[in-house]
Amino acid sequence: MPDVLWLHYSRPRSGWYELDAAARDEHLARFAAARRDSVESGGQCQGSWHVRGNSDYSTVETWLFPDPDAAFTHWIRLTEAGYPRWFAFANNIGLRA
């Protein structure tokens, strides 16, 4: 059973909305490839939810990972794909008690 919960809060940066559809699709494909690599390495995406109410972010995505290194590697993949340029974010990691 996975021991690490990763919570990823995000919202698009202003520049994201200035990209044309083809450019956004290209970036989304790179982010999806990074996520697929994380699944192939043992990560389990639990889904993405829209945040309602008073928050700095518009979505929260949850993942389960077998260990902290797998969660860190997941974030490295997204970073290398250029994710932080286009999205403001906050990440939290929880370890099974």
PDB file of N, CA and C in Angstrom:
ATOM      1  N   MET A   1       0.845  -1.185   0.000  1.00  0.00           N
ATOM      2  CA  MET A   1       0.000   0.000   0.000  1.00  0.00           C
ATOM      3  C   MET A   1       0.886   1.244   0.000  1.00  0.00           C
ATOM      4  N   PRO A   2       0.558   2.247  -0.814  1.00  0.00           N
ATOM      5  CA  PRO A   2       1.370   3.473  -0.862  1.00  0.00           C
ATOM      6  C   PRO A   2       1.413   4.176   0.488  1.00  0.00           C
ATOM      7  N   ASP A   3       2.577   4.740   0.795  1.00  0.00           N
ATOM      8  CA  ASP A   3       2.787   5.392   2.078  1.00  0.00           C
ATOM      9  C   ASP A   3       2.829   6.910   2.010  1.00  0.00           C
ATOM     10  N   VAL A   4       2.758   7.479   0.803  1.00  0.00           N
ATOM     11  CA  VAL A   4       2.908   8.917   0.651  1.00  0.00           C
ATOM     12  C   VAL A   4       1.712   9.495  -0.102  1.00  0.00           C
ATOM     13  N   LEU A   5       1.112  10.515   0.475  1.00  0.00           N
ATOM     14  CA  LEU A   5       0.036  11.271  -0.173  1.00  0.00           C
ATOM     15  C   LEU A   5       0.628  12.588  -0.625  1.00  0.00           C
ATOM     16  N   TRP A   6       0.407  12.930  -1.889  1.00  0.00           N
ATOM     17  CA  TRP A   6       0.900  14.195  -2.437  1.00  0.00           C
ATOM     18  C   TRP A   6      -0.293  15.025  -2.854  1.00  0.00           C
ATOM     19  N   LEU A   7      -0.406  16.229  -2.300  1.00  0.00           N
ATOM     20  CA  LEU A   7      -1.461  17.173  -2.663  1.00  0.00           C
ATOM     21  C   LEU A   7      -0.825  18.289  -3.474  1.00  0.00           C
ATOM     22  N   HIS A   8      -1.373  18.527  -4.641  1.00  0.00           N
ATOM     23  CA  HIS A   8      -0.830  19.546  -5.547  1.00  0.00           C
ATOM     24  C   HIS A   8      -1.930  20.557  -5.851  1.00  0.00           C
ATOM     25  N   TYR A   9      -1.759  21.773  -5.343  1.00  0.00           N
ATOM     26  CA  TYR A   9      -2.700  22.864  -5.592  1.00  0.00           C
ATOM     27  C   TYR A   9      -2.140  23.702  -6.743  1.00  0.00           C
ATOM     28  N   SER A  10      -3.015  24.164  -7.651  1.00  0.00           N
ATOM     29  CA  SER A  10      -2.511  24.955  -8.774  1.00  0.00           C
ATOM     30  C   SER A  10      -3.571  25.903  -9.324  1.00  0.00           C
ATOM     31  N   ARG A  11      -3.066  26.858 -10.092  1.00  0.00           N
ATOM     32  CA  ARG A  11      -3.903  27.742 -10.892  1.00  0.00           C
ATOM     33  C   ARG A  11      -3.042  28.227 -12.047  1.00  0.00           C
ATOM     34  N   PRO A  12      -3.647  28.448 -13.211  1.00  0.00           N
ATOM     35  CA  PRO A  12      -2.875  28.940 -14.354  1.00  0.00           C
ATOM     36  C   PRO A  12      -2.321  30.341 -14.082  1.00  0.00           C
ATOM     37  N   ARG A  13      -1.116  30.579 -14.546  1.00  0.00           N
ATOM     38  CA  ARG A  13      -0.535  31.920 -14.507  1.00  0.00           C
ATOM     39  C   ARG A  13      -1.134  32.726 -15.661  1.00  0.00           C
ATOM     40  N   SER A  14      -1.048  34.028 -15.603  1.00  0.00           N
ATOM     41  CA  SER A  14      -1.645  34.893 -16.629  1.00  0.00           C
ATOM     42  C   SER A  14      -1.187  34.538 -18.033  1.00  0.00           C
ATOM     43  N   GLY A  15       0.094  34.227 -18.195  1.00  0.00           N
ATOM     44  CA  GLY A  15       0.629  33.908 -19.516  1.00  0.00           C
ATOM     45  C   GLY A  15      -0.020  32.699 -20.170  1.00  0.00           C
ATOM     46  N   TRP A  16      -0.546  31.797 -19.359  1.00  0.00           N
ATOM     47  CA  TRP A  16      -1.209  30.602 -19.884  1.00  0.00           C
ATOM     48  C   TRP A  16      -2.378  30.987 -20.791  1.00  0.00           C
ATOM     49  N   TYR A  17      -3.104  32.011 -20.388  1.00  0.00           N
ATOM     50  CA  TYR A  17      -4.283  32.439 -21.133  1.00  0.00           C
ATOM     51  C   TYR A  17      -3.923  33.178 -22.418  1.00  0.00           C
ATOM     52  N   GLU A  18      -2.678  33.602 -22.523  1.00  0.00           N
ATOM     53  CA  GLU A  18      -2.226  34.292 -23.727  1.00  0.00           C
ATOM     54  C   GLU A  18      -1.747  33.325 -24.809  1.00  0.00           C
ATOM     55  N   LEU A  19      -1.543  32.069 -24.451  1.00  0.00           N
ATOM     56  CA  LEU A  19      -1.116  31.063 -25.427  1.00  0.00           C
ATOM     57  C   LEU A  19      -2.276  30.684 -26.326  1.00  0.00           C
ATOM     58  N   ASP A  20      -1.977  30.361 -27.570  1.00  0.00           N
ATOM     59  CA  ASP A  20      -3.046  29.856 -28.436  1.00  0.00           C
ATOM     60  C   ASP A  20      -3.307  28.391 -28.072  1.00  0.00           C
ATOM     61  N   ALA A  21      -4.376  27.849 -28.580  1.00  0.00           N
ATOM     62  CA  ALA A  21      -4.809  26.494 -28.223  1.00  0.00           C
ATOM     63  C   ALA A  21      -3.743  25.450 -28.550  1.00  0.00           C
ATOM     64  N   ALA A  22      -3.073  25.605 -29.684  1.00  0.00           N
ATOM     65  CA  ALA A  22      -2.048  24.629 -30.077  1.00  0.00           C
ATOM     66  C   ALA A  22      -0.884  24.626 -29.081  1.00  0.00           C
ATOM     67  N   ALA A  23      -0.461  25.794 -28.642  1.00  0.00           N
ATOM     68  CA  ALA A  23       0.632  25.877 -27.673  1.00  0.00           C
ATOM     69  C   ALA A  23       0.213  25.288 -26.330  1.00  0.00           C
ATOM     70  N   ARG A  24      -1.006  25.588 -25.890  1.00  0.00           N
ATOM     71  CA  ARG A  24      -1.493  25.000 -24.627  1.00  0.00           C
ATOM     72  C   ARG A  24      -1.546  23.478 -24.741  1.00  0.00           C
ATOM     73  N   ASP A  25      -2.059  22.984 -25.869  1.00  0.00           N
ATOM     74  CA  ASP A  25      -2.140  21.533 -26.059  1.00  0.00           C
ATOM     75  C   ASP A  25      -0.761  20.890 -26.031  1.00  0.00           C
ATOM     76  N   GLU A  26       0.235  21.554 -26.601  1.00  0.00           N
ATOM     77  CA  GLU A  26       1.604  21.031 -26.595  1.00  0.00           C
ATOM     78  C   GLU A  26       2.135  20.919 -25.169  1.00  0.00           C
ATOM     79  N   HIS A  27       1.922  21.961 -24.372  1.00  0.00           N
ATOM     80  CA  HIS A  27       2.358  21.920 -22.974  1.00  0.00           C
ATOM     81  C   HIS A  27       1.591  20.854 -22.194  1.00  0.00           C
ATOM     82  N   LEU A  28       0.282  20.786 -22.393  1.00  0.00           N
ATOM     83  CA  LEU A  28      -0.526  19.785 -21.686  1.00  0.00           C
ATOM     84  C   LEU A  28      -0.080  18.373 -22.025  1.00  0.00           C
ATOM     85  N   ALA A  29       0.340  18.145 -23.264  1.00  0.00           N
ATOM     86  CA  ALA A  29       0.822  16.817 -23.663  1.00  0.00           C
ATOM     87  C   ALA A  29       2.117  16.477 -22.923  1.00  0.00           C
ATOM     88  N   ARG A  30       3.002  17.449 -22.750  1.00  0.00           N
ATOM     89  CA  ARG A  30       4.239  17.200 -21.997  1.00  0.00           C
ATOM     90  C   ARG A  30       3.946  16.901 -20.532  1.00  0.00           C
ATOM     91  N   PHE A  31       2.985  17.650 -19.956  1.00  0.00           N
ATOM     92  CA  PHE A  31       2.632  17.402 -18.556  1.00  0.00           C
ATOM     93  C   PHE A  31       1.988  16.016 -18.406  1.00  0.00           C
ATOM     94  N   ALA A  32       1.161  15.640 -19.369  1.00  0.00           N
ATOM     95  CA  ALA A  32       0.519  14.323 -19.333  1.00  0.00           C
ATOM     96  C   ALA A  32       1.564  13.213 -19.445  1.00  0.00           C
ATOM     97  N   ALA A  33       2.584  13.411 -20.282  1.00  0.00           N
ATOM     98  CA  ALA A  33       3.644  12.413 -20.414  1.00  0.00           C
ATOM     99  C   ALA A  33       4.403  12.254 -19.099  1.00  0.00           C
ATOM    100  N   ALA A  34       4.655  13.369 -18.413  1.00  0.00           N
ATOM    101  CA  ALA A  34       5.328  13.305 -17.112  1.00  0.00           C
ATOM    102  C   ALA A  34       4.475  12.530 -16.114  1.00  0.00           C
ATOM    103  N   ARG A  35       3.173  12.782 -16.131  1.00  0.00           N
ATOM    104  CA  ARG A  35       2.273  12.056 -15.218  1.00  0.00           C
ATOM    105  C   ARG A  35       2.229  10.561 -15.555  1.00  0.00           C
ATOM    106  N   ARG A  36       2.215  10.226 -16.847  1.00  0.00           N
ATOM    107  CA  ARG A  36       2.227   8.806 -17.249  1.00  0.00           C
ATOM    108  C   ARG A  36       3.498   8.114 -16.752  1.00  0.00           C
ATOM    109  N   ASP A  37       4.635   8.796 -16.862  1.00  0.00           N
ATOM    110  CA  ASP A  37       5.889   8.224 -16.363  1.00  0.00           C
ATOM    111  C   ASP A  37       5.801   7.967 -14.860  1.00  0.00           C
ATOM    112  N   SER A  38       5.156   8.862 -14.132  1.00  0.00           N
ATOM    113  CA  SER A  38       5.006   8.669 -12.689  1.00  0.00           C
ATOM    114  C   SER A  38       4.103   7.484 -12.382  1.00  0.00           C
ATOM    115  N   VAL A  39       3.051   7.291 -13.165  1.00  0.00           N
ATOM    116  CA  VAL A  39       2.179   6.128 -12.977  1.00  0.00           C
ATOM    117  C   VAL A  39       2.968   4.848 -13.258  1.00  0.00           C
ATOM    118  N   GLU A  40       3.749   4.847 -14.321  1.00  0.00           N
ATOM    119  CA  GLU A  40       4.552   3.673 -14.659  1.00  0.00           C
ATOM    120  C   GLU A  40       5.598   3.366 -13.595  1.00  0.00           C
ATOM    121  N   SER A  41       5.944   4.380 -12.777  1.00  0.00           N
ATOM    122  CA  SER A  41       6.920   4.206 -11.704  1.00  0.00           C
ATOM    123  C   SER A  41       6.264   3.942 -10.355  1.00  0.00           C
ATOM    124  N   GLY A  42       4.968   3.673 -10.348  1.00  0.00           N
ATOM    125  CA  GLY A  42       4.293   3.301  -9.104  1.00  0.00           C
ATOM    126  C   GLY A  42       3.381   4.347  -8.507  1.00  0.00           C
ATOM    127  N   GLY A  43       3.309   5.541  -9.091  1.00  0.00           N
ATOM    128  CA  GLY A  43       2.400   6.563  -8.593  1.00  0.00           C
ATOM    129  C   GLY A  43       0.961   6.252  -8.986  1.00  0.00           C
ATOM    130  N   GLN A  44       0.038   6.706  -8.182  1.00  0.00           N
ATOM    131  CA  GLN A  44      -1.388   6.496  -8.446  1.00  0.00           C
ATOM    132  C   GLN A  44      -2.112   7.836  -8.340  1.00  0.00           C
ATOM    133  N   CYS A  45      -2.552   8.362  -9.476  1.00  0.00           N
ATOM    134  CA  CYS A  45      -3.320   9.608  -9.446  1.00  0.00           C
ATOM    135  C   CYS A  45      -4.724   9.292  -8.946  1.00  0.00           C
ATOM    136  N   GLN A  46      -5.133  10.015  -7.927  1.00  0.00           N
ATOM    137  CA  GLN A  46      -6.464   9.814  -7.352  1.00  0.00           C
ATOM    138  C   GLN A  46      -7.496  10.751  -7.950  1.00  0.00           C
ATOM    139  N   GLY A  47      -7.035  11.742  -8.717  1.00  0.00           N
ATOM    140  CA  GLY A  47      -7.954  12.648  -9.388  1.00  0.00           C
ATOM    141  C   GLY A  47      -7.610  14.100  -9.153  1.00  0.00           C
ATOM    142  N   SER A  48      -8.384  14.942  -9.818  1.00  0.00           N
ATOM    143  CA  SER A  48      -8.222  16.387  -9.725  1.00  0.00           C
ATOM    144  C   SER A  48      -9.586  16.997  -9.430  1.00  0.00           C
ATOM    145  N   TRP A  49      -9.610  17.960  -8.522  1.00  0.00           N
ATOM    146  CA  TRP A  49     -10.854  18.588  -8.113  1.00  0.00           C
ATOM    147  C   TRP A  49     -10.741  20.096  -8.233  1.00  0.00           C
ATOM    148  N   HIS A  50     -11.843  20.740  -8.580  1.00  0.00           N
ATOM    149  CA  HIS A  50     -11.897  22.196  -8.569  1.00  0.00           C
ATOM    150  C   HIS A  50     -12.067  22.652  -7.131  1.00  0.00           C
ATOM    151  N   VAL A  51     -11.287  23.646  -6.746  1.00  0.00           N
ATOM    152  CA  VAL A  51     -11.357  24.190  -5.390  1.00  0.00           C
ATOM    153  C   VAL A  51     -12.459  25.231  -5.354  1.00  0.00           C
ATOM    154  N   ARG A  52     -13.326  25.137  -4.380  1.00  0.00           N
ATOM    155  CA  ARG A  52     -14.417  26.105  -4.199  1.00  0.00           C
ATOM    156  C   ARG A  52     -14.152  26.886  -2.927  1.00  0.00           C
ATOM    157  N   GLY A  53     -14.645  28.088  -2.863  1.00  0.00           N
ATOM    158  CA  GLY A  53     -14.492  28.885  -1.653  1.00  0.00           C
ATOM    159  C   GLY A  53     -13.259  29.757  -1.705  1.00  0.00           C
ATOM    160  N   ASN A  54     -12.769  30.140  -0.560  1.00  0.00           N
ATOM    161  CA  ASN A  54     -11.659  31.074  -0.427  1.00  0.00           C
ATOM    162  C   ASN A  54     -10.336  30.326  -0.552  1.00  0.00           C
ATOM    163  N   SER A  55      -9.671  30.446  -1.702  1.00  0.00           N
ATOM    164  CA  SER A  55      -8.416  29.755  -1.930  1.00  0.00           C
ATOM    165  C   SER A  55      -7.576  30.524  -2.946  1.00  0.00           C
ATOM    166  N   ASP A  56      -6.269  30.353  -2.873  1.00  0.00           N
ATOM    167  CA  ASP A  56      -5.362  30.947  -3.853  1.00  0.00           C
ATOM    168  C   ASP A  56      -5.265  30.095  -5.114  1.00  0.00           C
ATOM    169  N   TYR A  57      -5.867  28.918  -5.091  1.00  0.00           N
ATOM    170  CA  TYR A  57      -5.718  27.970  -6.202  1.00  0.00           C
ATOM    171  C   TYR A  57      -7.072  27.535  -6.736  1.00  0.00           C
ATOM    172  N   SER A  58      -7.071  27.059  -7.973  1.00  0.00           N
ATOM    173  CA  SER A  58      -8.330  26.659  -8.600  1.00  0.00           C
ATOM    174  C   SER A  58      -8.536  25.156  -8.630  1.00  0.00           C
ATOM    175  N   THR A  59      -7.444  24.379  -8.503  1.00  0.00           N
ATOM    176  CA  THR A  59      -7.584  22.922  -8.503  1.00  0.00           C
ATOM    177  C   THR A  59      -6.680  22.301  -7.449  1.00  0.00           C
ATOM    178  N   VAL A  60      -7.045  21.099  -7.040  1.00  0.00           N
ATOM    179  CA  VAL A  60      -6.173  20.263  -6.217  1.00  0.00           C
ATOM    180  C   VAL A  60      -6.142  18.886  -6.874  1.00  0.00           C
ATOM    181  N   GLU A  61      -4.942  18.365  -7.025  1.00  0.00           N
ATOM    182  CA  GLU A  61      -4.718  17.041  -7.610  1.00  0.00           C
ATOM    183  C   GLU A  61      -4.090  16.184  -6.521  1.00  0.00           C
ATOM    184  N   THR A  62      -4.563  14.961  -6.351  1.00  0.00           N
ATOM    185  CA  THR A  62      -4.021  14.087  -5.312  1.00  0.00           C
ATOM    186  C   THR A  62      -3.395  12.849  -5.934  1.00  0.00           C
ATOM    187  N   TRP A  63      -2.280  12.448  -5.343  1.00  0.00           N
ATOM    188  CA  TRP A  63      -1.545  11.281  -5.793  1.00  0.00           C
ATOM    189  C   TRP A  63      -1.136  10.450  -4.586  1.00  0.00           C
ATOM    190  N   LEU A  64      -0.966   9.161  -4.807  1.00  0.00           N
ATOM    191  CA  LEU A  64      -0.350   8.269  -3.835  1.00  0.00           C
ATOM    192  C   LEU A  64       0.951   7.771  -4.445  1.00  0.00           C
ATOM    193  N   PHE A  65       2.015   7.734  -3.627  1.00  0.00           N
ATOM    194  CA  PHE A  65       3.315   7.254  -4.076  1.00  0.00           C
ATOM    195  C   PHE A  65       3.853   6.235  -3.084  1.00  0.00           C
ATOM    196  N   PRO A  66       4.715   5.334  -3.553  1.00  0.00           N
ATOM    197  CA  PRO A  66       5.245   4.309  -2.645  1.00  0.00           C
ATOM    198  C   PRO A  66       6.221   4.870  -1.610  1.00  0.00           C
ATOM    199  N   ASP A  67       6.871   6.005  -1.922  1.00  0.00           N
ATOM    200  CA  ASP A  67       7.832   6.591  -0.988  1.00  0.00           C
ATOM    201  C   ASP A  67       8.049   8.063  -1.350  1.00  0.00           C
ATOM    202  N   PRO A  68       8.675   8.828  -0.452  1.00  0.00           N
ATOM    203  CA  PRO A  68       8.886  10.252  -0.726  1.00  0.00           C
ATOM    204  C   PRO A  68       9.719  10.511  -1.986  1.00  0.00           C
ATOM    205  N   ASP A  69      10.686   9.658  -2.271  1.00  0.00           N
ATOM    206  CA  ASP A  69      11.512   9.857  -3.465  1.00  0.00           C
ATOM    207  C   ASP A  69      10.684   9.793  -4.743  1.00  0.00           C
ATOM    208  N   ALA A  70       9.700   8.920  -4.786  1.00  0.00           N
ATOM    209  CA  ALA A  70       8.839   8.811  -5.973  1.00  0.00           C
ATOM    210  C   ALA A  70       8.022  10.084  -6.155  1.00  0.00           C
ATOM    211  N   ALA A  71       7.548  10.670  -5.058  1.00  0.00           N
ATOM    212  CA  ALA A  71       6.808  11.930  -5.138  1.00  0.00           C
ATOM    213  C   ALA A  71       7.727  13.052  -5.615  1.00  0.00           C
ATOM    214  N   PHE A  72       8.944  13.098  -5.088  1.00  0.00           N
ATOM    215  CA  PHE A  72       9.899  14.118  -5.495  1.00  0.00           C
ATOM    216  C   PHE A  72      10.241  13.971  -6.982  1.00  0.00           C
ATOM    217  N   THR A  73      10.438  12.737  -7.436  1.00  0.00           N
ATOM    218  CA  THR A  73      10.741  12.484  -8.843  1.00  0.00           C
ATOM    219  C   THR A  73       9.571  12.920  -9.731  1.00  0.00           C
ATOM    220  N   HIS A  74       8.358  12.713  -9.274  1.00  0.00           N
ATOM    221  CA  HIS A  74       7.177  13.168 -10.014  1.00  0.00           C
ATOM    222  C   HIS A  74       7.248  14.681 -10.224  1.00  0.00           C
ATOM    223  N   TRP A  75       7.572  15.418  -9.165  1.00  0.00           N
ATOM    224  CA  TRP A  75       7.648  16.867  -9.282  1.00  0.00           C
ATOM    225  C   TRP A  75       8.796  17.284 -10.206  1.00  0.00           C
ATOM    226  N   ILE A  76       9.914  16.587 -10.149  1.00  0.00           N
ATOM    227  CA  ILE A  76      11.028  16.873 -11.059  1.00  0.00           C
ATOM    228  C   ILE A  76      10.581  16.705 -12.504  1.00  0.00           C
ATOM    229  N   ARG A  77       9.836  15.644 -12.785  1.00  0.00           N
ATOM    230  CA  ARG A  77       9.341  15.423 -14.152  1.00  0.00           C
ATOM    231  C   ARG A  77       8.489  16.600 -14.631  1.00  0.00           C
ATOM    232  N   LEU A  78       7.562  17.035 -13.780  1.00  0.00           N
ATOM    233  CA  LEU A  78       6.706  18.163 -14.160  1.00  0.00           C
ATOM    234  C   LEU A  78       7.515  19.450 -14.322  1.00  0.00           C
ATOM    235  N   THR A  79       8.480  19.654 -13.437  1.00  0.00           N
ATOM    236  CA  THR A  79       9.323  20.841 -13.526  1.00  0.00           C
ATOM    237  C   THR A  79      10.130  20.840 -14.817  1.00  0.00           C
ATOM    238  N   GLU A  80      10.705  19.696 -15.149  1.00  0.00           N
ATOM    239  CA  GLU A  80      11.483  19.598 -16.390  1.00  0.00           C
ATOM    240  C   GLU A  80      10.605  19.786 -17.626  1.00  0.00           C
ATOM    241  N   ALA A  81       9.321  19.478 -17.512  1.00  0.00           N
ATOM    242  CA  ALA A  81       8.380  19.685 -18.622  1.00  0.00           C
ATOM    243  C   ALA A  81       7.924  21.141 -18.723  1.00  0.00           C
ATOM    244  N   GLY A  82       8.355  21.998 -17.794  1.00  0.00           N
ATOM    245  CA  GLY A  82       8.028  23.416 -17.844  1.00  0.00           C
ATOM    246  C   GLY A  82       6.794  23.836 -17.071  1.00  0.00           C
ATOM    247  N   TYR A  83       6.262  22.945 -16.268  1.00  0.00           N
ATOM    248  CA  TYR A  83       5.017  23.213 -15.548  1.00  0.00           C
ATOM    249  C   TYR A  83       5.045  24.501 -14.716  1.00  0.00           C
ATOM    250  N   PRO A  84       6.088  24.755 -13.908  1.00  0.00           N
ATOM    251  CA  PRO A  84       6.066  25.959 -13.053  1.00  0.00           C
ATOM    252  C   PRO A  84       6.020  27.279 -13.825  1.00  0.00           C
ATOM    253  N   ARG A  85       6.422  27.274 -15.071  1.00  0.00           N
ATOM    254  CA  ARG A  85       6.344  28.500 -15.861  1.00  0.00           C
ATOM    255  C   ARG A  85       4.897  28.909 -16.106  1.00  0.00           C
ATOM    256  N   TRP A  86       4.016  27.932 -16.227  1.00  0.00           N
ATOM    257  CA  TRP A  86       2.638  28.190 -16.643  1.00  0.00           C
ATOM    258  C   TRP A  86       1.624  28.109 -15.509  1.00  0.00           C
ATOM    259  N   PHE A  87       2.006  27.533 -14.372  1.00  0.00           N
ATOM    260  CA  PHE A  87       1.062  27.357 -13.261  1.00  0.00           C
ATOM    261  C   PHE A  87       1.696  27.765 -11.942  1.00  0.00           C
ATOM    262  N   ALA A  88       0.947  28.541 -11.158  1.00  0.00           N
ATOM    263  CA  ALA A  88       1.312  28.802  -9.768  1.00  0.00           C
ATOM    264  C   ALA A  88       0.874  27.571  -8.978  1.00  0.00           C
ATOM    265  N   PHE A  89       1.607  27.222  -7.937  1.00  0.00           N
ATOM    266  CA  PHE A  89       1.330  25.949  -7.271  1.00  0.00           C
ATOM    267  C   PHE A  89       1.770  25.964  -5.813  1.00  0.00           C
ATOM    268  N   ALA A  90       1.280  24.975  -5.090  1.00  0.00           N
ATOM    269  CA  ALA A  90       1.752  24.632  -3.757  1.00  0.00           C
ATOM    270  C   ALA A  90       1.628  23.117  -3.643  1.00  0.00           C
ATOM    271  N   ASN A  91       2.643  22.496  -3.086  1.00  0.00           N
ATOM    272  CA  ASN A  91       2.645  21.046  -2.915  1.00  0.00           C
ATOM    273  C   ASN A  91       2.744  20.705  -1.439  1.00  0.00           C
ATOM    274  N   ASN A  92       2.017  19.683  -1.021  1.00  0.00           N
ATOM    275  CA  ASN A  92       2.111  19.146   0.324  1.00  0.00           C
ATOM    276  C   ASN A  92       2.290  17.641   0.225  1.00  0.00           C
ATOM    277  N   ILE A  93       3.124  17.103   1.096  1.00  0.00           N
ATOM    278  CA  ILE A  93       3.330  15.662   1.161  1.00  0.00           C
ATOM    279  C   ILE A  93       2.934  15.190   2.547  1.00  0.00           C
ATOM    280  N   GLY A  94       2.164  14.120   2.591  1.00  0.00           N
ATOM    281  CA  GLY A  94       1.798  13.501   3.859  1.00  0.00           C
ATOM    282  C   GLY A  94       2.287  12.078   3.897  1.00  0.00           C
ATOM    283  N   LEU A  95       2.855  11.673   5.034  1.00  0.00           N
ATOM    284  CA  LEU A  95       3.317  10.306   5.219  1.00  0.00           C
ATOM    285  C   LEU A  95       2.315   9.543   6.064  1.00  0.00           C
ATOM    286  N   ARG A  96       2.134   8.290   5.727  1.00  0.00           N
ATOM    287  CA  ARG A  96       1.192   7.449   6.495  1.00  0.00           C
ATOM    288  C   ARG A  96       1.626   7.396   7.951  1.00  0.00           C
ATOM    289  N   ALA A  97       0.675   7.627   8.836  1.00  0.00           N
ATOM    290  CA  ALA A  97       0.975   7.622  10.273  1.00  0.00           C
ATOM    291  C   ALA A  97       1.058   6.207  10.801  1.00  0.00           C
TER     292      ALA A  97
END
